[in-house]
Amino acid sequence: MELNDYQSKCLNTWHGDQRLIRSFLGVCGEAGELSERIKKHLRGDYDVQELKSRSFKEIGDVLYYIAVLAHELGFELSDIAEDNIAKLAKRQEEGKIKGDGDHR
């Protein structure tokens, strides 16, 4: 599935008020749930297979909220993805793939 097609399909289920803040909080909440899965794996509650099994749908939930957040901010997912890959390629080319900050 193409990223913009996915984003468009997500918007079919995206309704209600305060959509910008709800989409932002949705990203935070779902990323938190994913981090809980990883924390439980690290403390020994899950083996790798269980981590994968429990993470699959959480990653999908994060992706959903990223898609609707991008829409609420006026972005298409494909543009974000292309820009991100270009940024990473430039950093790698310059030998700056590791480090801190947005302007390496």
N, C-alpha and C. Protein backbone atom coordinates (compact mmCIF):
# COMPACT_ATOMS: atom_id res chain seq x y z
N MET A 1 0.84 -1.18 0.00
CA MET A 1 0.00 0.00 0.00
C MET A 1 0.89 1.25 0.00
N GLU A 2 0.52 2.21 -0.80
CA GLU A 2 1.24 3.48 -0.85
C GLU A 2 0.91 4.31 0.39
N LEU A 3 1.88 5.09 0.83
CA LEU A 3 1.69 5.87 2.06
C LEU A 3 0.51 6.83 1.98
N ASN A 4 0.36 7.54 0.87
CA ASN A 4 -0.75 8.49 0.78
C ASN A 4 -2.10 7.78 0.70
N ASP A 5 -2.13 6.60 0.10
CA ASP A 5 -3.36 5.81 0.09
C ASP A 5 -3.73 5.39 1.51
N TYR A 6 -2.73 4.95 2.26
CA TYR A 6 -2.95 4.57 3.66
C TYR A 6 -3.49 5.77 4.44
N GLN A 7 -2.84 6.93 4.27
CA GLN A 7 -3.26 8.12 4.99
C GLN A 7 -4.71 8.47 4.65
N SER A 8 -5.05 8.40 3.38
CA SER A 8 -6.41 8.69 2.95
C SER A 8 -7.43 7.74 3.59
N LYS A 9 -7.08 6.46 3.66
CA LYS A 9 -7.98 5.48 4.27
C LYS A 9 -8.11 5.70 5.77
N CYS A 10 -7.04 6.13 6.42
CA CYS A 10 -7.12 6.45 7.84
C CYS A 10 -8.12 7.57 8.09
N LEU A 11 -8.17 8.53 7.19
CA LEU A 11 -9.04 9.69 7.37
C LEU A 11 -10.51 9.31 7.28
N ASN A 12 -10.82 8.15 6.69
CA ASN A 12 -12.21 7.69 6.65
C ASN A 12 -12.75 7.38 8.04
N THR A 13 -11.87 7.11 8.99
CA THR A 13 -12.29 6.78 10.36
C THR A 13 -11.94 7.88 11.35
N TRP A 14 -11.45 9.00 10.85
CA TRP A 14 -10.98 10.09 11.71
C TRP A 14 -12.06 11.15 11.82
N HIS A 15 -12.76 11.18 12.97
CA HIS A 15 -13.88 12.09 13.17
C HIS A 15 -13.77 12.75 14.54
N GLY A 16 -14.55 13.77 14.74
CA GLY A 16 -14.65 14.39 16.05
C GLY A 16 -14.03 15.77 16.12
N ASP A 17 -13.99 16.30 17.33
CA ASP A 17 -13.48 17.64 17.58
C ASP A 17 -12.02 17.58 18.05
N GLN A 18 -11.40 18.74 18.08
CA GLN A 18 -10.02 18.90 18.58
C GLN A 18 -9.09 17.88 17.94
N ARG A 19 -9.18 17.79 16.64
CA ARG A 19 -8.48 16.72 15.93
C ARG A 19 -6.95 16.86 15.96
N LEU A 20 -6.44 18.07 15.95
CA LEU A 20 -4.98 18.22 16.00
C LEU A 20 -4.43 17.70 17.32
N ILE A 21 -4.99 18.16 18.42
CA ILE A 21 -4.47 17.74 19.73
C ILE A 21 -4.74 16.26 19.96
N ARG A 22 -5.89 15.74 19.51
CA ARG A 22 -6.17 14.31 19.68
C ARG A 22 -5.21 13.45 18.87
N SER A 23 -4.85 13.92 17.68
CA SER A 23 -3.91 13.13 16.88
C SER A 23 -2.52 13.13 17.53
N PHE A 24 -2.10 14.29 18.04
CA PHE A 24 -0.81 14.36 18.72
C PHE A 24 -0.79 13.47 19.95
N LEU A 25 -1.84 13.56 20.76
CA LEU A 25 -1.91 12.73 21.97
C LEU A 25 -2.03 11.25 21.62
N GLY A 26 -2.68 10.95 20.50
CA GLY A 26 -2.78 9.56 20.04
C GLY A 26 -1.40 8.98 19.73
N VAL A 27 -0.55 9.78 19.06
CA VAL A 27 0.82 9.33 18.77
C VAL A 27 1.54 9.03 20.09
N CYS A 28 1.44 9.97 21.03
CA CYS A 28 2.12 9.81 22.32
C CYS A 28 1.61 8.58 23.06
N GLY A 29 0.30 8.42 23.11
CA GLY A 29 -0.29 7.30 23.84
C GLY A 29 0.08 5.95 23.24
N GLU A 30 -0.03 5.85 21.92
CA GLU A 30 0.28 4.57 21.28
C GLU A 30 1.77 4.26 21.33
N ALA A 31 2.61 5.29 21.20
CA ALA A 31 4.06 5.07 21.35
C ALA A 31 4.38 4.62 22.78
N GLY A 32 3.64 5.15 23.74
CA GLY A 32 3.80 4.71 25.13
C GLY A 32 3.43 3.25 25.30
N GLU A 33 2.33 2.84 24.66
CA GLU A 33 1.94 1.43 24.74
C GLU A 33 3.00 0.53 24.10
N LEU A 34 3.57 0.97 23.00
CA LEU A 34 4.64 0.20 22.37
C LEU A 34 5.86 0.12 23.28
N SER A 35 6.20 1.23 23.93
CA SER A 35 7.35 1.21 24.83
C SER A 35 7.10 0.28 26.03
N GLU A 36 5.86 0.15 26.45
CA GLU A 36 5.52 -0.80 27.52
C GLU A 36 5.83 -2.24 27.08
N ARG A 37 5.54 -2.55 25.83
CA ARG A 37 5.84 -3.90 25.31
C ARG A 37 7.35 -4.17 25.38
N ILE A 38 8.12 -3.17 24.97
CA ILE A 38 9.58 -3.33 24.96
C ILE A 38 10.11 -3.41 26.39
N LYS A 39 9.56 -2.60 27.29
CA LYS A 39 9.98 -2.64 28.70
C LYS A 39 9.73 -4.03 29.28
N LYS A 40 8.55 -4.58 29.00
CA LYS A 40 8.23 -5.90 29.53
C LYS A 40 9.12 -6.97 28.94
N HIS A 41 9.52 -6.82 27.70
CA HIS A 41 10.47 -7.75 27.10
C HIS A 41 11.82 -7.64 27.82
N LEU A 42 12.26 -6.43 28.06
CA LEU A 42 13.56 -6.23 28.72
C LEU A 42 13.57 -6.78 30.14
N ARG A 43 12.45 -6.73 30.82
CA ARG A 43 12.44 -7.26 32.18
C ARG A 43 12.17 -8.76 32.22
N GLY A 44 11.96 -9.35 31.05
CA GLY A 44 11.86 -10.81 30.97
C GLY A 44 10.45 -11.36 30.89
N ASP A 45 9.45 -10.50 30.78
CA ASP A 45 8.07 -10.98 30.68
C ASP A 45 7.77 -11.60 29.32
N TYR A 46 8.42 -11.12 28.27
CA TYR A 46 8.18 -11.60 26.91
C TYR A 46 9.49 -12.06 26.29
N ASP A 47 9.43 -13.15 25.52
CA ASP A 47 10.57 -13.47 24.67
C ASP A 47 10.43 -12.64 23.38
N VAL A 48 11.37 -12.79 22.46
CA VAL A 48 11.36 -11.98 21.24
C VAL A 48 10.10 -12.24 20.41
N GLN A 49 9.67 -13.49 20.32
CA GLN A 49 8.47 -13.80 19.54
C GLN A 49 7.23 -13.15 20.14
N GLU A 50 7.13 -13.18 21.46
CA GLU A 50 5.99 -12.54 22.12
C GLU A 50 6.05 -11.02 21.93
N LEU A 51 7.25 -10.45 22.00
CA LEU A 51 7.41 -9.02 21.76
C LEU A 51 6.92 -8.67 20.36
N LYS A 52 7.33 -9.46 19.38
CA LYS A 52 6.88 -9.21 18.00
C LYS A 52 5.38 -9.31 17.89
N SER A 53 4.82 -10.34 18.46
CA SER A 53 3.38 -10.56 18.39
C SER A 53 2.60 -9.41 19.03
N ARG A 54 3.06 -8.96 20.18
CA ARG A 54 2.34 -7.91 20.91
C ARG A 54 2.62 -6.52 20.33
N SER A 55 3.68 -6.36 19.56
CA SER A 55 4.06 -5.05 19.02
C SER A 55 3.42 -4.74 17.68
N PHE A 56 3.06 -5.75 16.93
CA PHE A 56 2.58 -5.56 15.56
C PHE A 56 1.41 -4.57 15.50
N LYS A 57 0.37 -4.82 16.27
CA LYS A 57 -0.80 -3.94 16.24
C LYS A 57 -0.50 -2.57 16.86
N GLU A 58 0.38 -2.53 17.85
CA GLU A 58 0.75 -1.23 18.45
C GLU A 58 1.46 -0.36 17.43
N ILE A 59 2.35 -0.95 16.63
CA ILE A 59 3.03 -0.18 15.59
C ILE A 59 2.00 0.34 14.58
N GLY A 60 1.01 -0.47 14.26
CA GLY A 60 -0.07 -0.02 13.38
C GLY A 60 -0.83 1.15 13.97
N ASP A 61 -1.08 1.11 15.28
CA ASP A 61 -1.78 2.21 15.93
C ASP A 61 -0.95 3.50 15.91
N VAL A 62 0.36 3.38 16.12
CA VAL A 62 1.24 4.54 16.02
C VAL A 62 1.18 5.12 14.61
N LEU A 63 1.26 4.23 13.62
CA LEU A 63 1.22 4.67 12.22
C LEU A 63 -0.08 5.39 11.90
N TYR A 64 -1.19 4.88 12.40
CA TYR A 64 -2.49 5.53 12.20
C TYR A 64 -2.46 6.97 12.71
N TYR A 65 -2.02 7.14 13.94
CA TYR A 65 -2.03 8.49 14.50
C TYR A 65 -1.00 9.39 13.84
N ILE A 66 0.11 8.85 13.39
CA ILE A 66 1.08 9.64 12.61
C ILE A 66 0.42 10.12 11.33
N ALA A 67 -0.34 9.24 10.67
CA ALA A 67 -1.01 9.59 9.42
C ALA A 67 -2.02 10.71 9.62
N VAL A 68 -2.83 10.61 10.67
CA VAL A 68 -3.84 11.65 10.88
C VAL A 68 -3.22 12.94 11.41
N LEU A 69 -2.15 12.83 12.22
CA LEU A 69 -1.45 14.03 12.67
C LEU A 69 -0.85 14.77 11.49
N ALA A 70 -0.21 14.03 10.59
CA ALA A 70 0.36 14.66 9.40
C ALA A 70 -0.72 15.39 8.61
N HIS A 71 -1.86 14.75 8.45
CA HIS A 71 -2.98 15.39 7.75
C HIS A 71 -3.43 16.66 8.45
N GLU A 72 -3.57 16.59 9.75
CA GLU A 72 -4.03 17.76 10.51
C GLU A 72 -3.05 18.93 10.39
N LEU A 73 -1.78 18.63 10.16
CA LEU A 73 -0.77 19.67 9.97
C LEU A 73 -0.58 20.05 8.51
N GLY A 74 -1.33 19.38 7.62
CA GLY A 74 -1.27 19.72 6.20
C GLY A 74 -0.20 19.00 5.41
N PHE A 75 0.28 17.86 5.90
CA PHE A 75 1.34 17.11 5.23
C PHE A 75 0.82 15.80 4.67
N GLU A 76 1.45 15.35 3.60
CA GLU A 76 1.21 14.00 3.10
C GLU A 76 2.35 13.11 3.59
N LEU A 77 2.01 11.88 3.94
CA LEU A 77 3.02 10.94 4.46
C LEU A 77 4.16 10.72 3.48
N SER A 78 3.86 10.66 2.19
CA SER A 78 4.92 10.41 1.22
C SER A 78 5.95 11.54 1.22
N ASP A 79 5.50 12.79 1.39
CA ASP A 79 6.44 13.91 1.45
C ASP A 79 7.32 13.82 2.69
N ILE A 80 6.73 13.46 3.81
CA ILE A 80 7.50 13.30 5.04
C ILE A 80 8.53 12.19 4.88
N ALA A 81 8.11 11.06 4.32
CA ALA A 81 9.02 9.92 4.13
C ALA A 81 10.17 10.28 3.19
N GLU A 82 9.86 10.93 2.09
CA GLU A 82 10.91 11.31 1.13
C GLU A 82 11.90 12.28 1.76
N ASP A 83 11.41 13.27 2.49
CA ASP A 83 12.29 14.24 3.14
C ASP A 83 13.17 13.56 4.19
N ASN A 84 12.58 12.63 4.94
CA ASN A 84 13.33 11.95 5.99
C ASN A 84 14.45 11.10 5.40
N ILE A 85 14.16 10.37 4.32
CA ILE A 85 15.18 9.54 3.67
C ILE A 85 16.29 10.42 3.10
N ALA A 86 15.94 11.54 2.50
CA ALA A 86 16.94 12.46 1.97
C ALA A 86 17.83 13.01 3.09
N LYS A 87 17.21 13.36 4.22
CA LYS A 87 17.98 13.87 5.36
C LYS A 87 18.96 12.82 5.87
N LEU A 88 18.49 11.58 6.01
CA LEU A 88 19.37 10.51 6.50
C LEU A 88 20.48 10.19 5.51
N ALA A 89 20.16 10.20 4.23
CA ALA A 89 21.19 9.94 3.21
C ALA A 89 22.27 11.02 3.23
N LYS A 90 21.85 12.27 3.40
CA LYS A 90 22.81 13.37 3.47
C LYS A 90 23.71 13.22 4.70
N ARG A 91 23.12 12.88 5.83
CA ARG A 91 23.92 12.68 7.04
C ARG A 91 24.92 11.54 6.86
N GLN A 92 24.46 10.46 6.23
CA GLN A 92 25.36 9.33 6.03
C GLN A 92 26.49 9.71 5.08
N GLU A 93 26.17 10.43 4.03
CA GLU A 93 27.17 10.88 3.06
C GLU A 93 28.22 11.77 3.72
N GLU A 94 27.78 12.59 4.66
CA GLU A 94 28.69 13.51 5.35
C GLU A 94 29.36 12.88 6.56
N GLY A 95 29.06 11.60 6.83
CA GLY A 95 29.64 10.93 7.99
C GLY A 95 29.07 11.42 9.30
N LYS A 96 27.83 11.91 9.28
CA LYS A 96 27.21 12.48 10.48
C LYS A 96 25.95 11.72 10.87
N ILE A 97 25.89 10.44 10.53
CA ILE A 97 24.67 9.67 10.82
C ILE A 97 24.48 9.50 12.32
N LYS A 98 25.57 9.48 13.07
CA LYS A 98 25.47 9.40 14.53
C LYS A 98 25.63 10.79 15.11
N GLY A 99 24.99 11.02 16.24
CA GLY A 99 25.13 12.32 16.90
C GLY A 99 23.79 12.87 17.30
N ASP A 100 23.81 14.12 17.76
CA ASP A 100 22.62 14.78 18.25
C ASP A 100 22.26 15.97 17.38
N GLY A 101 21.00 16.33 17.44
CA GLY A 101 20.55 17.57 16.82
C GLY A 101 19.98 17.39 15.43
N ASP A 102 19.15 18.33 15.06
CA ASP A 102 18.50 18.31 13.75
C ASP A 102 19.39 18.83 12.64
N HIS A 103 20.40 19.61 12.98
CA HIS A 103 21.22 20.28 11.97
C HIS A 103 22.66 19.77 12.01
N ARG A 104 22.81 18.45 11.84
CA ARG A 104 24.15 17.87 11.86
C ARG A 104 24.86 18.13 10.57
